[in-house]
């Protein structure tokens, strides 16, 4: 069986560096490489509840108002802070402080913790749909945040799809 082709995308340098996620520290990735780490699962756009004592994070099936449930992508990614001021923008500078908050399967968190990407990650599999085929995305089962009062979010806690 042949090895799947790796996803390539234009960057300021022309293309993503070959298997950059295995060789380049998060803080040294260029913007295109940083963005390419996103697997498109949509779990970062689920509203979370944090225990103030333990800092334990619980995912809910309640999604940010900007999440497109069909694509698992932000409908207004570039302007998201204008619509959702509390949206956390993950950067190489803040990943160490907020990695615990990211989903356990998140490439940013995995790499920050010194772990490899999963086989279903689009950079490894060569196809963006692999995250959905593996059943780790939120495609088709979220509830928009405006449909559930915040004091009922605890009723919608889920186990993270891994």
Protein backbone atom coordinates (compact mmCIF):
# COMPACT_ATOMS: atom_id res chain seq x y z
CA UNK A 1 0.00 0.00 0.00
CA UNK A 2 1.37 3.42 -0.85
CA UNK A 3 1.85 6.11 1.74
CA UNK A 4 -0.82 8.87 1.65
CA UNK A 5 0.22 12.21 0.26
CA UNK A 6 0.83 14.91 2.81
CA UNK A 7 -1.29 18.04 2.79
CA UNK A 8 0.54 20.96 1.24
CA UNK A 9 -0.52 24.57 1.38
CA UNK A 10 0.99 27.86 0.31
CA UNK A 11 2.94 29.81 2.93
CA UNK A 12 5.10 32.87 2.88
CA UNK A 13 7.94 30.50 1.96
CA UNK A 14 6.04 28.74 -0.79
CA UNK A 15 4.92 25.52 0.93
CA UNK A 16 4.62 23.91 4.33
CA UNK A 17 7.84 22.30 5.42
CA UNK A 18 7.75 18.52 5.12
CA UNK A 19 6.38 16.95 8.34
CA UNK A 20 7.04 20.27 10.11
CA UNK A 21 4.97 19.24 13.15
CA UNK A 22 7.57 16.57 13.97
CA UNK A 23 10.60 18.85 13.68
CA UNK A 24 9.62 22.47 14.28
CA UNK A 25 8.82 23.72 17.79
CA UNK A 26 5.39 25.37 18.08
CA UNK A 27 6.97 28.78 18.75
CA UNK A 28 8.99 28.55 15.52
CA UNK A 29 6.17 27.63 13.15
CA UNK A 30 5.18 30.18 10.58
CA UNK A 31 1.51 31.30 10.50
CA UNK A 32 0.54 28.85 7.74
CA UNK A 33 2.08 25.93 9.62
CA UNK A 34 0.37 27.01 12.83
CA UNK A 35 -3.02 27.14 11.11
CA UNK A 36 -2.41 23.81 9.36
CA UNK A 37 -2.21 22.12 12.77
CA UNK A 38 -5.96 22.55 13.23
CA UNK A 39 -7.59 19.21 12.45
CA UNK A 40 -11.04 20.71 11.89
CA UNK A 41 -12.76 18.69 14.63
CA UNK A 42 -14.65 21.71 16.03
CA UNK A 43 -14.20 20.62 19.66
CA UNK A 44 -12.44 23.84 20.58
CA UNK A 45 -15.70 25.63 19.67
CA UNK A 46 -17.74 23.67 22.20
CA UNK A 47 -18.61 25.60 25.32
CA UNK A 48 -16.71 24.26 28.28
CA UNK A 49 -17.23 24.30 32.00
CA UNK A 50 -14.21 24.62 34.27
CA UNK A 51 -14.10 23.53 37.90
CA UNK A 52 -12.53 26.52 39.66
CA UNK A 53 -10.82 24.34 42.27
CA UNK A 54 -9.39 21.55 40.11
CA UNK A 55 -9.27 23.36 36.75
CA UNK A 56 -10.86 20.23 35.29
CA UNK A 57 -12.53 20.99 31.97
CA UNK A 58 -15.86 19.48 30.95
CA UNK A 59 -17.00 19.70 27.34
CA UNK A 60 -20.63 20.32 26.55
CA UNK A 61 -22.44 19.61 23.29
CA UNK A 62 -23.33 23.31 23.23
CA UNK A 63 -21.43 25.08 20.48
CA UNK A 64 -20.28 28.63 20.02
CA UNK A 65 -22.76 30.68 18.02
CA UNK A 66 -20.25 30.88 15.16
CA UNK A 67 -19.60 27.15 14.72
CA UNK A 68 -20.87 25.71 11.46
CA UNK A 69 -22.07 22.28 12.60
CA UNK A 70 -21.75 20.81 9.11
CA UNK A 71 -18.14 21.84 8.46
CA UNK A 72 -16.90 22.02 12.08
CA UNK A 73 -15.35 25.38 11.24
CA UNK A 74 -15.92 28.90 12.51
CA UNK A 75 -18.31 30.72 10.20
CA UNK A 76 -16.43 34.01 10.78
CA UNK A 77 -12.93 32.86 11.69
CA UNK A 78 -11.02 36.03 10.78
CA UNK A 79 -13.53 38.31 12.54
CA UNK A 80 -14.52 35.98 15.41
CA UNK A 81 -13.34 38.30 18.20
CA UNK A 82 -15.72 40.99 16.90
CA UNK A 83 -18.69 38.64 17.28
CA UNK A 84 -17.50 36.64 20.31
CA UNK A 85 -15.17 38.83 22.40
CA UNK A 86 -14.54 35.99 24.86
CA UNK A 87 -13.24 33.70 22.09
CA UNK A 88 -9.78 32.43 22.98
CA UNK A 89 -7.31 32.94 20.17
CA UNK A 90 -4.66 30.27 20.47
CA UNK A 91 -1.14 31.42 19.62
CA UNK A 92 2.39 30.08 19.99
CA UNK A 93 2.83 32.56 22.85
CA UNK A 94 -0.17 31.40 24.91
CA UNK A 95 -0.31 27.66 24.16
CA UNK A 96 1.61 26.74 27.33
CA UNK A 97 -0.90 28.60 29.52
CA UNK A 98 -4.06 27.24 27.91
CA UNK A 99 -3.15 23.82 26.49
CA UNK A 100 -5.00 22.17 29.41
CA UNK A 101 -8.17 23.85 28.18
CA UNK A 102 -7.89 22.46 24.66
CA UNK A 103 -9.49 19.11 23.74
CA UNK A 104 -7.31 16.07 24.52
CA UNK A 105 -7.03 15.20 20.81
CA UNK A 106 -6.07 18.74 19.74
CA UNK A 107 -2.83 18.89 17.74
CA UNK A 108 -1.75 22.08 19.51
CA UNK A 109 -2.18 20.43 22.90
CA UNK A 110 -0.59 17.16 21.80
CA UNK A 111 2.51 18.90 20.45
CA UNK A 112 2.74 21.19 23.50
CA UNK A 113 2.73 18.03 25.63
CA UNK A 114 5.40 16.38 23.45
CA UNK A 115 2.99 13.82 21.95
CA UNK A 116 2.57 12.82 18.29
CA UNK A 117 -0.42 13.63 16.10
CA UNK A 118 -3.07 10.93 15.69
CA UNK A 119 -3.16 8.90 12.48
CA UNK A 120 -6.49 10.50 11.55
CA UNK A 121 -5.07 14.05 11.68
CA UNK A 122 -5.31 15.57 8.17
CA UNK A 123 -1.58 16.34 8.11
CA UNK A 124 -0.84 12.66 8.71
CA UNK A 125 -3.67 11.09 6.72
CA UNK A 126 -3.43 13.51 3.80
CA UNK A 127 -7.19 14.20 3.73
CA UNK A 128 -9.27 16.75 5.66
CA UNK A 129 -12.21 14.33 6.05
CA UNK A 130 -10.21 11.82 8.08
CA UNK A 131 -11.10 13.59 11.33
CA UNK A 132 -14.81 13.11 10.56
CA UNK A 133 -14.41 9.53 9.36
CA UNK A 134 -12.57 8.72 12.61
CA UNK A 135 -15.59 9.98 14.57
CA UNK A 136 -13.68 12.57 16.58
CA UNK A 137 -15.32 15.69 15.19
CA UNK A 138 -18.49 17.39 16.40
CA UNK A 139 -20.14 17.21 12.99
CA UNK A 140 -23.91 16.97 13.23
CA UNK A 141 -24.48 16.73 16.98
CA UNK A 142 -24.00 20.14 18.57
CA UNK A 143 -26.62 22.47 20.02
CA UNK A 144 -26.24 26.23 19.34
CA UNK A 145 -25.56 28.17 22.53
CA UNK A 146 -28.60 30.40 22.08
CA UNK A 147 -30.90 27.38 22.39
CA UNK A 148 -29.84 26.47 25.95
CA UNK A 149 -29.78 28.80 28.96
CA UNK A 150 -26.30 28.94 30.48
CA UNK A 151 -27.55 27.64 33.83
CA UNK A 152 -28.55 24.40 32.03
CA UNK A 153 -25.20 23.76 30.33
CA UNK A 154 -24.26 21.20 32.99
CA UNK A 155 -27.12 19.04 31.66
CA UNK A 156 -25.25 18.83 28.34
CA UNK A 157 -21.80 17.68 29.50
CA UNK A 158 -20.35 15.02 27.21
CA UNK A 159 -17.44 12.64 27.08
CA UNK A 160 -14.90 13.94 24.61
CA UNK A 161 -14.93 12.00 21.34
CA UNK A 162 -11.46 10.46 21.13
